[in-house]
Amino acid sequence: MPARGKSPEKEEYAWILDYLPYGSSDDKRPSYQKKPLVQAVGEKHFVLMELVPKEGKVPDIQSRVYIGDGDRDLIDHVKHRITYADLSHGAQLELPYILEMTVKHNEDRFVQFFNDAHPITNRLHMFELLPGIGKKLMWAIIDERKKGTFKTLAELHERVGGVHSPEKTIVNRIIEELKDENIKYRLFTTPSRRPRTH
């Protein structure tokens, strides 16, 4: 879980969810005054954000772009962090697919989660925060993990048949965390600090 009180490191890469040629629908200026925006999700902490593309650049939806310090090919700057509710309809539809791509792209990180997950309280284990995993499946994962660490998500599925699609299970948890600003436990995301302005 992300450390409390410590500000998370900046996102270096983001995945494009939507390209808005006329900017945000909340922008009430005439369309000729509006600048294009990109809605994206960070690769490491799954921060939802709006980015300003470089003049004349149109990033492809589902592409991975560099947003860290230094030279950037497609993105001029990060405009600000947004919430799930701020996402366009198209971005909300893309999010599960892009999160699954991100999980697969960073598979080692999520395999490590299954190898390192531990109880949060005397009655609640990190595994139980994953949709579809209750006590029985939690114990199956823990018992199988005692025999040896998991090497891939596919191996986790083979060894613990009840975990049908570990990628989708992780994605569903990430989406729960992104949708609920007040969720008590966060496994993969950091809370948004930007107050809603609507």
N, C-alpha and C. Protein backbone atom coordinates (compact mmCIF):
# COMPACT_ATOMS: atom_id res chain seq x y z
N MET A 1 0.85 -1.18 0.00
CA MET A 1 0.00 0.00 0.00
C MET A 1 0.89 1.23 0.00
N PRO A 2 0.47 2.31 -0.69
CA PRO A 2 1.27 3.53 -0.69
C PRO A 2 1.45 4.05 0.74
N ALA A 3 2.63 4.56 1.03
CA ALA A 3 2.93 5.04 2.38
C ALA A 3 2.07 6.25 2.72
N ARG A 4 1.58 6.29 3.94
CA ARG A 4 0.75 7.41 4.39
C ARG A 4 1.64 8.59 4.74
N GLY A 5 1.13 9.79 4.44
CA GLY A 5 1.83 11.00 4.84
C GLY A 5 3.01 11.36 3.95
N LYS A 6 3.49 10.40 3.20
CA LYS A 6 4.64 10.63 2.32
C LYS A 6 4.10 10.95 0.93
N SER A 7 4.61 12.03 0.33
CA SER A 7 4.08 12.37 -0.99
C SER A 7 4.67 11.39 -2.00
N PRO A 8 3.79 10.83 -2.87
CA PRO A 8 4.26 9.82 -3.80
C PRO A 8 5.16 10.43 -4.87
N GLU A 9 6.06 9.60 -5.37
CA GLU A 9 6.92 10.09 -6.44
C GLU A 9 6.05 10.38 -7.66
N LYS A 10 6.55 11.28 -8.49
CA LYS A 10 5.79 11.67 -9.68
C LYS A 10 5.69 10.51 -10.66
N GLU A 11 4.62 10.56 -11.44
CA GLU A 11 4.47 9.59 -12.53
C GLU A 11 5.49 9.93 -13.62
N GLU A 12 6.11 8.91 -14.19
CA GLU A 12 7.05 9.09 -15.29
C GLU A 12 6.36 8.82 -16.63
N TYR A 13 5.44 7.87 -16.62
CA TYR A 13 4.73 7.49 -17.83
C TYR A 13 3.22 7.47 -17.57
N ALA A 14 2.47 7.75 -18.62
CA ALA A 14 1.02 7.69 -18.54
C ALA A 14 0.48 6.98 -19.78
N TRP A 15 -0.70 6.42 -19.65
CA TRP A 15 -1.38 5.75 -20.76
C TRP A 15 -2.57 6.62 -21.15
N ILE A 16 -2.70 6.86 -22.44
CA ILE A 16 -3.72 7.77 -22.96
C ILE A 16 -5.10 7.10 -22.94
N LEU A 17 -6.05 7.77 -22.28
CA LEU A 17 -7.43 7.29 -22.20
C LEU A 17 -8.33 7.96 -23.25
N ASP A 18 -8.12 9.26 -23.48
CA ASP A 18 -8.95 9.98 -24.43
C ASP A 18 -8.24 11.25 -24.89
N TYR A 19 -8.53 11.63 -26.12
CA TYR A 19 -8.02 12.89 -26.68
C TYR A 19 -9.22 13.81 -26.89
N LEU A 20 -9.17 14.98 -26.30
CA LEU A 20 -10.27 15.95 -26.38
C LEU A 20 -9.80 17.14 -27.21
N PRO A 21 -10.13 17.16 -28.51
CA PRO A 21 -9.60 18.21 -29.38
C PRO A 21 -10.04 19.62 -28.97
N TYR A 22 -11.19 19.71 -28.29
CA TYR A 22 -11.68 21.02 -27.85
C TYR A 22 -11.64 21.16 -26.33
N GLY A 23 -10.74 20.43 -25.70
CA GLY A 23 -10.55 20.56 -24.25
C GLY A 23 -11.70 19.97 -23.46
N SER A 24 -11.76 20.37 -22.21
CA SER A 24 -12.76 19.86 -21.27
C SER A 24 -14.14 20.41 -21.58
N SER A 25 -15.16 19.59 -21.38
CA SER A 25 -16.54 20.04 -21.59
C SER A 25 -16.94 21.09 -20.56
N ASP A 26 -16.19 21.19 -19.46
CA ASP A 26 -16.46 22.20 -18.43
C ASP A 26 -15.97 23.58 -18.85
N ASP A 27 -15.11 23.62 -19.85
CA ASP A 27 -14.56 24.90 -20.33
C ASP A 27 -15.64 25.61 -21.15
N LYS A 28 -16.12 26.74 -20.64
CA LYS A 28 -17.24 27.46 -21.28
C LYS A 28 -16.82 28.45 -22.36
N ARG A 29 -15.52 28.54 -22.63
CA ARG A 29 -15.05 29.46 -23.68
C ARG A 29 -15.50 28.97 -25.05
N PRO A 30 -15.54 29.87 -26.04
CA PRO A 30 -15.85 29.42 -27.41
C PRO A 30 -14.82 28.40 -27.87
N SER A 31 -15.25 27.47 -28.73
CA SER A 31 -14.36 26.37 -29.12
C SER A 31 -13.07 26.84 -29.78
N TYR A 32 -13.08 27.98 -30.49
CA TYR A 32 -11.84 28.43 -31.13
C TYR A 32 -10.79 28.88 -30.12
N GLN A 33 -11.21 29.14 -28.86
CA GLN A 33 -10.26 29.53 -27.82
C GLN A 33 -9.76 28.35 -26.99
N LYS A 34 -10.40 27.21 -27.15
CA LYS A 34 -10.05 26.04 -26.34
C LYS A 34 -8.83 25.33 -26.91
N LYS A 35 -8.06 24.77 -26.01
CA LYS A 35 -6.86 24.01 -26.40
C LYS A 35 -7.15 22.51 -26.21
N PRO A 36 -6.55 21.67 -27.05
CA PRO A 36 -6.75 20.22 -26.89
C PRO A 36 -6.23 19.74 -25.53
N LEU A 37 -6.87 18.70 -25.02
CA LEU A 37 -6.46 18.06 -23.77
C LEU A 37 -6.40 16.55 -23.99
N VAL A 38 -5.63 15.91 -23.16
CA VAL A 38 -5.53 14.46 -23.16
C VAL A 38 -5.86 14.01 -21.74
N GLN A 39 -6.73 13.01 -21.63
CA GLN A 39 -6.96 12.39 -20.33
C GLN A 39 -6.16 11.10 -20.29
N ALA A 40 -5.48 10.89 -19.15
CA ALA A 40 -4.56 9.75 -19.06
C ALA A 40 -4.55 9.20 -17.64
N VAL A 41 -3.97 8.02 -17.52
CA VAL A 41 -3.78 7.39 -16.22
C VAL A 41 -2.30 7.08 -16.05
N GLY A 42 -1.75 7.46 -14.89
CA GLY A 42 -0.35 7.21 -14.62
C GLY A 42 -0.06 5.72 -14.50
N GLU A 43 1.14 5.35 -14.88
CA GLU A 43 1.51 3.93 -14.92
C GLU A 43 1.82 3.35 -13.53
N LYS A 44 2.36 4.16 -12.64
CA LYS A 44 2.82 3.62 -11.36
C LYS A 44 1.79 3.72 -10.24
N HIS A 45 1.17 4.88 -10.10
CA HIS A 45 0.21 5.10 -9.01
C HIS A 45 -1.22 5.24 -9.52
N PHE A 46 -1.41 5.07 -10.82
CA PHE A 46 -2.74 5.14 -11.45
C PHE A 46 -3.42 6.48 -11.19
N VAL A 47 -2.62 7.54 -11.21
CA VAL A 47 -3.14 8.90 -11.05
C VAL A 47 -3.88 9.26 -12.34
N LEU A 48 -5.12 9.72 -12.19
CA LEU A 48 -5.87 10.22 -13.34
C LEU A 48 -5.50 11.67 -13.54
N MET A 49 -5.26 12.07 -14.79
CA MET A 49 -4.77 13.43 -15.03
C MET A 49 -5.18 13.93 -16.40
N GLU A 50 -5.12 15.26 -16.52
CA GLU A 50 -5.28 15.88 -17.83
C GLU A 50 -3.92 16.42 -18.24
N LEU A 51 -3.56 16.17 -19.50
CA LEU A 51 -2.28 16.57 -20.05
C LEU A 51 -2.53 17.52 -21.21
N VAL A 52 -1.60 18.41 -21.44
CA VAL A 52 -1.66 19.30 -22.59
C VAL A 52 -0.66 18.78 -23.61
N PRO A 53 -1.17 18.37 -24.81
CA PRO A 53 -0.24 17.86 -25.82
C PRO A 53 0.55 19.00 -26.45
N LYS A 54 1.71 18.67 -27.00
CA LYS A 54 2.49 19.68 -27.73
C LYS A 54 1.71 20.11 -28.96
N GLU A 55 1.95 21.32 -29.38
CA GLU A 55 1.28 21.90 -30.54
C GLU A 55 1.37 20.95 -31.74
N GLY A 56 0.21 20.64 -32.31
CA GLY A 56 0.17 19.80 -33.50
C GLY A 56 0.31 18.30 -33.26
N LYS A 57 0.45 17.90 -32.01
CA LYS A 57 0.60 16.47 -31.69
C LYS A 57 -0.73 15.90 -31.21
N VAL A 58 -1.07 14.70 -31.70
CA VAL A 58 -2.29 14.02 -31.29
C VAL A 58 -1.90 12.61 -30.83
N PRO A 59 -1.74 12.42 -29.51
CA PRO A 59 -1.35 11.10 -29.03
C PRO A 59 -2.46 10.07 -29.28
N ASP A 60 -2.07 8.87 -29.63
CA ASP A 60 -3.03 7.79 -29.86
C ASP A 60 -3.60 7.29 -28.54
N ILE A 61 -4.91 7.02 -28.54
CA ILE A 61 -5.53 6.40 -27.38
C ILE A 61 -4.89 5.03 -27.20
N GLN A 62 -4.66 4.64 -25.98
CA GLN A 62 -4.01 3.39 -25.56
C GLN A 62 -2.50 3.42 -25.75
N SER A 63 -1.94 4.59 -26.05
CA SER A 63 -0.48 4.65 -26.17
C SER A 63 0.13 5.06 -24.82
N ARG A 64 1.37 4.67 -24.64
CA ARG A 64 2.13 4.99 -23.42
C ARG A 64 3.02 6.18 -23.76
N VAL A 65 2.91 7.25 -22.94
CA VAL A 65 3.69 8.46 -23.21
C VAL A 65 4.54 8.83 -22.01
N TYR A 66 5.67 9.44 -22.29
CA TYR A 66 6.57 9.91 -21.23
C TYR A 66 6.08 11.26 -20.74
N ILE A 67 5.94 11.41 -19.40
CA ILE A 67 5.51 12.69 -18.82
C ILE A 67 6.46 13.16 -17.72
N GLY A 68 7.58 12.48 -17.59
CA GLY A 68 8.56 12.84 -16.56
C GLY A 68 9.33 14.10 -16.91
N ASP A 69 10.37 14.36 -16.14
CA ASP A 69 11.20 15.55 -16.37
C ASP A 69 11.98 15.41 -17.67
N GLY A 70 12.36 16.56 -18.23
CA GLY A 70 13.17 16.55 -19.44
C GLY A 70 12.33 16.59 -20.70
N ASP A 71 12.95 16.18 -21.82
CA ASP A 71 12.28 16.23 -23.12
C ASP A 71 11.15 15.21 -23.20
N ARG A 72 10.03 15.68 -23.72
CA ARG A 72 8.88 14.82 -23.95
C ARG A 72 8.51 14.94 -25.42
N ASP A 73 8.20 13.83 -26.05
CA ASP A 73 7.86 13.83 -27.47
C ASP A 73 6.48 14.41 -27.76
N LEU A 74 5.48 13.99 -26.99
CA LEU A 74 4.10 14.32 -27.32
C LEU A 74 3.42 15.27 -26.34
N ILE A 75 3.85 15.25 -25.09
CA ILE A 75 3.14 15.99 -24.04
C ILE A 75 3.93 17.24 -23.67
N ASP A 76 3.24 18.38 -23.67
CA ASP A 76 3.86 19.64 -23.25
C ASP A 76 3.98 19.68 -21.74
N HIS A 77 2.84 19.48 -21.05
CA HIS A 77 2.87 19.46 -19.59
C HIS A 77 1.63 18.78 -19.02
N VAL A 78 1.75 18.43 -17.75
CA VAL A 78 0.61 17.89 -17.01
C VAL A 78 -0.20 19.08 -16.53
N LYS A 79 -1.47 19.14 -16.90
CA LYS A 79 -2.31 20.27 -16.48
C LYS A 79 -2.70 20.12 -15.02
N HIS A 80 -3.35 19.00 -14.67
CA HIS A 80 -3.69 18.73 -13.28
C HIS A 80 -4.23 17.31 -13.11
N ARG A 81 -4.34 16.95 -11.86
CA ARG A 81 -4.90 15.67 -11.49
C ARG A 81 -6.43 15.79 -11.54
N ILE A 82 -7.10 14.72 -11.94
CA ILE A 82 -8.56 14.72 -11.98
C ILE A 82 -9.09 13.50 -11.24
N THR A 83 -10.39 13.44 -11.06
CA THR A 83 -11.03 12.30 -10.41
C THR A 83 -11.70 11.43 -11.46
N TYR A 84 -12.15 10.27 -11.07
CA TYR A 84 -12.85 9.36 -11.97
C TYR A 84 -14.06 10.06 -12.60
N ALA A 85 -14.80 10.82 -11.79
CA ALA A 85 -16.00 11.50 -12.28
C ALA A 85 -15.67 12.55 -13.35
N ASP A 86 -14.44 13.05 -13.37
CA ASP A 86 -14.03 14.05 -14.36
C ASP A 86 -13.71 13.43 -15.72
N LEU A 87 -13.55 12.12 -15.77
CA LEU A 87 -13.19 11.47 -17.02
C LEU A 87 -14.34 11.57 -18.03
N SER A 88 -13.99 11.71 -19.30
CA SER A 88 -15.00 11.68 -20.35
C SER A 88 -15.60 10.27 -20.39
N HIS A 89 -16.75 10.17 -21.04
CA HIS A 89 -17.39 8.86 -21.18
C HIS A 89 -16.44 7.89 -21.89
N GLY A 90 -15.78 8.38 -22.95
CA GLY A 90 -14.84 7.54 -23.69
C GLY A 90 -13.68 7.07 -22.81
N ALA A 91 -13.17 7.96 -21.97
CA ALA A 91 -12.05 7.61 -21.09
C ALA A 91 -12.49 6.55 -20.07
N GLN A 92 -13.72 6.69 -19.55
CA GLN A 92 -14.22 5.69 -18.60
C GLN A 92 -14.35 4.32 -19.26
N LEU A 93 -14.74 4.30 -20.53
CA LEU A 93 -14.86 3.03 -21.25
C LEU A 93 -13.48 2.42 -21.53
N GLU A 94 -12.49 3.25 -21.82
CA GLU A 94 -11.13 2.77 -22.12
C GLU A 94 -10.39 2.28 -20.87
N LEU A 95 -10.73 2.88 -19.71
CA LEU A 95 -9.95 2.65 -18.49
C LEU A 95 -9.70 1.17 -18.18
N PRO A 96 -10.71 0.29 -18.15
CA PRO A 96 -10.42 -1.11 -17.80
C PRO A 96 -9.42 -1.77 -18.75
N TYR A 97 -9.52 -1.48 -20.05
CA TYR A 97 -8.61 -2.09 -21.03
C TYR A 97 -7.19 -1.57 -20.84
N ILE A 98 -7.08 -0.28 -20.61
CA ILE A 98 -5.75 0.32 -20.45
C ILE A 98 -5.12 -0.13 -19.13
N LEU A 99 -5.93 -0.23 -18.08
CA LEU A 99 -5.38 -0.73 -16.80
C LEU A 99 -4.89 -2.16 -16.97
N GLU A 100 -5.61 -2.97 -17.72
CA GLU A 100 -5.17 -4.35 -17.94
C GLU A 100 -3.85 -4.37 -18.71
N MET A 101 -3.72 -3.50 -19.71
CA MET A 101 -2.45 -3.38 -20.45
C MET A 101 -1.33 -2.96 -19.51
N THR A 102 -1.64 -2.03 -18.61
CA THR A 102 -0.63 -1.54 -17.66
C THR A 102 -0.20 -2.64 -16.71
N VAL A 103 -1.17 -3.41 -16.21
CA VAL A 103 -0.86 -4.52 -15.31
C VAL A 103 0.04 -5.53 -16.02
N LYS A 104 -0.29 -5.85 -17.27
CA LYS A 104 0.53 -6.81 -18.03
C LYS A 104 1.92 -6.24 -18.31
N HIS A 105 1.98 -4.94 -18.59
CA HIS A 105 3.26 -4.28 -18.87
C HIS A 105 4.18 -4.28 -17.64
N ASN A 106 3.56 -4.26 -16.46
CA ASN A 106 4.31 -4.23 -15.19
C ASN A 106 4.00 -5.47 -14.35
N GLU A 107 3.93 -6.62 -15.02
CA GLU A 107 3.49 -7.84 -14.36
C GLU A 107 4.28 -8.16 -13.10
N ASP A 108 5.59 -7.97 -13.12
CA ASP A 108 6.42 -8.32 -11.95
C ASP A 108 5.94 -7.63 -10.69
N ARG A 109 5.54 -6.36 -10.83
CA ARG A 109 5.05 -5.61 -9.67
C ARG A 109 3.83 -6.28 -9.04
N PHE A 110 2.92 -6.78 -9.87
CA PHE A 110 1.69 -7.35 -9.34
C PHE A 110 1.88 -8.79 -8.87
N VAL A 111 2.80 -9.51 -9.50
CA VAL A 111 3.18 -10.83 -8.98
C VAL A 111 3.77 -10.64 -7.58
N GLN A 112 4.61 -9.61 -7.43
CA GLN A 112 5.20 -9.31 -6.13
C GLN A 112 4.13 -9.01 -5.08
N PHE A 113 3.06 -8.31 -5.51
CA PHE A 113 1.96 -8.04 -4.58
C PHE A 113 1.41 -9.36 -4.03
N PHE A 114 1.16 -10.35 -4.92
CA PHE A 114 0.62 -11.63 -4.46
C PHE A 114 1.62 -12.38 -3.58
N ASN A 115 2.92 -12.15 -3.81
CA ASN A 115 3.93 -12.81 -2.99
C ASN A 115 4.11 -12.13 -1.63
N ASP A 116 3.83 -10.82 -1.56
CA ASP A 116 4.10 -10.05 -0.33
C ASP A 116 2.86 -9.67 0.47
N ALA A 117 1.66 -9.84 -0.08
CA ALA A 117 0.44 -9.38 0.60
C ALA A 117 0.36 -9.99 2.00
N HIS A 118 -0.17 -9.20 2.93
CA HIS A 118 -0.19 -9.59 4.34
C HIS A 118 -1.48 -9.09 5.00
N PRO A 119 -1.74 -9.52 6.24
CA PRO A 119 -2.92 -9.02 6.94
C PRO A 119 -2.79 -7.52 7.20
N ILE A 120 -3.92 -6.81 7.09
CA ILE A 120 -3.96 -5.37 7.40
C ILE A 120 -4.38 -5.20 8.86
N THR A 121 -5.34 -6.03 9.28
CA THR A 121 -5.79 -6.05 10.68
C THR A 121 -5.89 -7.52 11.08
N ASN A 122 -6.31 -7.77 12.32
CA ASN A 122 -6.48 -9.16 12.77
C ASN A 122 -7.55 -9.89 11.98
N ARG A 123 -8.48 -9.15 11.39
CA ARG A 123 -9.61 -9.77 10.69
C ARG A 123 -9.60 -9.57 9.18
N LEU A 124 -8.68 -8.77 8.68
CA LEU A 124 -8.72 -8.43 7.26
C LEU A 124 -7.34 -8.57 6.61
N HIS A 125 -7.30 -9.35 5.54
CA HIS A 125 -6.07 -9.55 4.76
C HIS A 125 -6.15 -8.72 3.48
N MET A 126 -5.01 -8.29 2.97
CA MET A 126 -4.98 -7.52 1.72
C MET A 126 -5.70 -8.26 0.59
N PHE A 127 -5.57 -9.58 0.54
CA PHE A 127 -6.22 -10.35 -0.52
C PHE A 127 -7.73 -10.15 -0.51
N GLU A 128 -8.31 -9.98 0.68
CA GLU A 128 -9.77 -9.84 0.77
C GLU A 128 -10.27 -8.51 0.20
N LEU A 129 -9.36 -7.57 -0.05
CA LEU A 129 -9.76 -6.32 -0.67
C LEU A 129 -9.91 -6.46 -2.19
N LEU A 130 -9.43 -7.56 -2.72
CA LEU A 130 -9.55 -7.82 -4.16
C LEU A 130 -10.93 -8.40 -4.46
N PRO A 131 -11.65 -7.82 -5.43
CA PRO A 131 -12.99 -8.33 -5.76
C PRO A 131 -12.96 -9.81 -6.11
N GLY A 132 -13.87 -10.55 -5.51
CA GLY A 132 -13.99 -11.98 -5.80
C GLY A 132 -13.12 -12.87 -4.92
N ILE A 133 -12.33 -12.28 -4.03
CA ILE A 133 -11.48 -13.10 -3.14
C ILE A 133 -12.00 -12.98 -1.71
N GLY A 134 -12.53 -14.09 -1.22
CA GLY A 134 -12.99 -14.17 0.17
C GLY A 134 -12.01 -14.99 0.98
N LYS A 135 -12.45 -15.42 2.16
CA LYS A 135 -11.56 -16.16 3.08
C LYS A 135 -11.04 -17.46 2.45
N LYS A 136 -11.93 -18.23 1.81
CA LYS A 136 -11.53 -19.53 1.26
C LYS A 136 -10.43 -19.37 0.20
N LEU A 137 -10.64 -18.44 -0.73
CA LEU A 137 -9.66 -18.22 -1.79
C LEU A 137 -8.38 -17.58 -1.23
N MET A 138 -8.55 -16.70 -0.25
CA MET A 138 -7.39 -16.09 0.40
C MET A 138 -6.48 -17.19 0.98
N TRP A 139 -7.09 -18.15 1.70
CA TRP A 139 -6.28 -19.23 2.30
C TRP A 139 -5.67 -20.12 1.22
N ALA A 140 -6.37 -20.33 0.12
CA ALA A 140 -5.81 -21.13 -0.98
C ALA A 140 -4.56 -20.45 -1.54
N ILE A 141 -4.60 -19.12 -1.70
CA ILE A 141 -3.44 -18.38 -2.21
C ILE A 141 -2.29 -18.46 -1.21
N ILE A 142 -2.59 -18.22 0.07
CA ILE A 142 -1.55 -18.24 1.11
C ILE A 142 -0.91 -19.63 1.20
N ASP A 143 -1.74 -20.69 1.19
CA ASP A 143 -1.20 -22.06 1.28
C ASP A 143 -0.33 -22.38 0.07
N GLU A 144 -0.75 -21.96 -1.11
CA GLU A 144 0.03 -22.23 -2.32
C GLU A 144 1.33 -21.41 -2.30
N ARG A 145 1.26 -20.20 -1.78
CA ARG A 145 2.44 -19.33 -1.72
C ARG A 145 3.50 -19.92 -0.78
N LYS A 146 3.07 -20.65 0.25
CA LYS A 146 4.02 -21.28 1.19
C LYS A 146 4.86 -22.34 0.49
N LYS A 147 4.34 -22.91 -0.60
CA LYS A 147 5.07 -23.93 -1.35
C LYS A 147 6.13 -23.32 -2.25
N GLY A 148 6.02 -22.01 -2.49
CA GLY A 148 6.97 -21.31 -3.35
C GLY A 148 6.33 -20.06 -3.92
N THR A 149 7.15 -19.05 -4.11
CA THR A 149 6.61 -17.77 -4.60
C THR A 149 6.07 -17.95 -6.02
N PHE A 150 5.14 -17.06 -6.37
CA PHE A 150 4.59 -17.05 -7.71
C PHE A 150 5.58 -16.31 -8.63
N LYS A 151 5.72 -16.80 -9.86
CA LYS A 151 6.65 -16.17 -10.82
C LYS A 151 5.91 -15.30 -11.84
N THR A 152 4.67 -15.69 -12.18
CA THR A 152 3.86 -14.94 -13.14
C THR A 152 2.41 -14.98 -12.68
N LEU A 153 1.60 -14.11 -13.26
CA LEU A 153 0.16 -14.12 -12.96
C LEU A 153 -0.49 -15.37 -13.53
N ALA A 154 0.01 -15.86 -14.67
CA ALA A 154 -0.52 -17.09 -15.26
C ALA A 154 -0.24 -18.27 -14.33
N GLU A 155 0.94 -18.29 -13.72
CA GLU A 155 1.28 -19.37 -12.78
C GLU A 155 0.37 -19.29 -11.56
N LEU A 156 0.09 -18.09 -11.08
CA LEU A 156 -0.83 -17.92 -9.95
C LEU A 156 -2.17 -18.55 -10.30
N HIS A 157 -2.68 -18.28 -11.49
CA HIS A 157 -3.96 -18.85 -11.93
C HIS A 157 -3.89 -20.38 -12.00
N GLU A 158 -2.78 -20.91 -12.53
CA GLU A 158 -2.62 -22.36 -12.63
C GLU A 158 -2.59 -23.02 -11.25
N ARG A 159 -1.88 -22.41 -10.32
CA ARG A 159 -1.72 -23.00 -8.99
C ARG A 159 -2.92 -22.78 -8.08
N VAL A 160 -3.64 -21.68 -8.29
CA VAL A 160 -4.84 -21.38 -7.50
C VAL A 160 -5.97 -21.16 -8.49
N GLY A 161 -6.65 -22.24 -8.83
CA GLY A 161 -7.67 -22.20 -9.89
C GLY A 161 -8.78 -21.18 -9.67
N GLY A 162 -9.09 -20.85 -8.43
CA GLY A 162 -10.17 -19.91 -8.15
C GLY A 162 -9.87 -18.49 -8.59
N VAL A 163 -8.59 -18.18 -8.80
CA VAL A 163 -8.21 -16.84 -9.28
C VAL A 163 -8.19 -16.94 -10.81
N HIS A 164 -9.36 -16.72 -11.42
CA HIS A 164 -9.53 -16.97 -12.85
C HIS A 164 -8.73 -16.00 -13.72
N SER A 165 -8.76 -14.73 -13.39
CA SER A 165 -8.02 -13.74 -14.16
C SER A 165 -7.41 -12.73 -13.19
N PRO A 166 -6.18 -13.01 -12.73
CA PRO A 166 -5.55 -12.10 -11.77
C PRO A 166 -5.48 -10.66 -12.27
N GLU A 167 -5.24 -10.49 -13.60
CA GLU A 167 -5.16 -9.13 -14.16
C GLU A 167 -6.48 -8.38 -13.96
N LYS A 168 -7.59 -9.04 -14.28
CA LYS A 168 -8.90 -8.39 -14.16
C LYS A 168 -9.25 -8.14 -12.68
N THR A 169 -8.84 -9.04 -11.81
CA THR A 169 -9.09 -8.86 -10.38
C THR A 169 -8.37 -7.60 -9.89
N ILE A 170 -7.12 -7.43 -10.31
CA ILE A 170 -6.34 -6.23 -9.93
C ILE A 170 -6.98 -4.98 -10.53
N VAL A 171 -7.34 -5.06 -11.82
CA VAL A 171 -7.97 -3.91 -12.50
C VAL A 171 -9.24 -3.49 -11.78
N ASN A 172 -10.08 -4.46 -11.41
CA ASN A 172 -11.34 -4.13 -10.73
C ASN A 172 -11.08 -3.44 -9.40
N ARG A 173 -10.03 -3.85 -8.69
CA ARG A 173 -9.69 -3.19 -7.43
C ARG A 173 -9.19 -1.76 -7.69
N ILE A 174 -8.36 -1.58 -8.69
CA ILE A 174 -7.86 -0.24 -9.02
C ILE A 174 -9.03 0.68 -9.34
N ILE A 175 -9.99 0.20 -10.13
CA ILE A 175 -11.15 1.02 -10.49
C ILE A 175 -11.96 1.37 -9.25
N GLU A 176 -12.15 0.41 -8.34
CA GLU A 176 -12.85 0.71 -7.07
C GLU A 176 -12.16 1.86 -6.34
N GLU A 177 -10.83 1.79 -6.27
CA GLU A 177 -10.07 2.82 -5.57
C GLU A 177 -10.16 4.17 -6.27
N LEU A 178 -10.20 4.17 -7.60
CA LEU A 178 -10.29 5.42 -8.35
C LEU A 178 -11.68 6.04 -8.23
N LYS A 179 -12.71 5.21 -8.15
CA LYS A 179 -14.08 5.72 -8.08
C LYS A 179 -14.43 6.29 -6.71
N ASP A 180 -13.86 5.71 -5.66
CA ASP A 180 -14.23 6.08 -4.29
C ASP A 180 -13.11 6.88 -3.63
N GLU A 181 -13.30 8.19 -3.58
CA GLU A 181 -12.29 9.08 -2.98
C GLU A 181 -12.07 8.77 -1.50
N ASN A 182 -13.07 8.21 -0.83
CA ASN A 182 -12.99 7.98 0.62
C ASN A 182 -12.77 6.52 0.99
N ILE A 183 -12.33 5.72 0.03
CA ILE A 183 -12.11 4.30 0.31
C ILE A 183 -11.09 4.16 1.45
N LYS A 184 -11.33 3.23 2.35
CA LYS A 184 -10.49 3.13 3.56
C LYS A 184 -9.09 2.60 3.28
N TYR A 185 -8.99 1.55 2.49
CA TYR A 185 -7.68 0.95 2.22
C TYR A 185 -7.37 1.05 0.73
N ARG A 186 -6.16 1.50 0.42
CA ARG A 186 -5.70 1.60 -0.96
C ARG A 186 -4.53 0.64 -1.15
N LEU A 187 -4.67 -0.26 -2.12
CA LEU A 187 -3.59 -1.19 -2.43
C LEU A 187 -2.69 -0.67 -3.54
N PHE A 188 -3.29 0.06 -4.50
CA PHE A 188 -2.54 0.39 -5.71
C PHE A 188 -2.55 1.87 -6.07
N THR A 189 -3.42 2.68 -5.49
CA THR A 189 -3.56 4.08 -5.89
C THR A 189 -3.22 5.01 -4.74
N THR A 190 -3.12 6.29 -5.06
CA THR A 190 -2.95 7.32 -4.03
C THR A 190 -4.19 8.21 -4.08
N PRO A 191 -4.62 8.76 -2.94
CA PRO A 191 -5.83 9.59 -2.95
C PRO A 191 -5.62 10.89 -3.73
N SER A 192 -6.68 11.34 -4.35
CA SER A 192 -6.64 12.62 -5.06
C SER A 192 -6.66 13.73 -4.03
N ARG A 193 -5.82 14.74 -4.23
CA ARG A 193 -5.80 15.85 -3.29
C ARG A 193 -6.49 17.09 -3.84
N ARG A 194 -6.91 17.00 -5.10
CA ARG A 194 -7.53 18.15 -5.75
C ARG A 194 -9.02 18.17 -5.43
N PRO A 195 -9.52 19.23 -4.80
CA PRO A 195 -10.94 19.28 -4.51
C PRO A 195 -11.76 19.40 -5.80
N ARG A 196 -12.93 18.81 -5.78
CA ARG A 196 -13.83 18.91 -6.93
C ARG A 196 -14.27 20.35 -7.12
N THR A 197 -14.34 20.81 -8.37
CA THR A 197 -14.70 22.20 -8.65
C THR A 197 -16.04 22.33 -9.35
N HIS A 198 -16.80 21.25 -9.44
CA HIS A 198 -18.08 21.31 -10.18
C HIS A 198 -19.18 21.77 -9.26
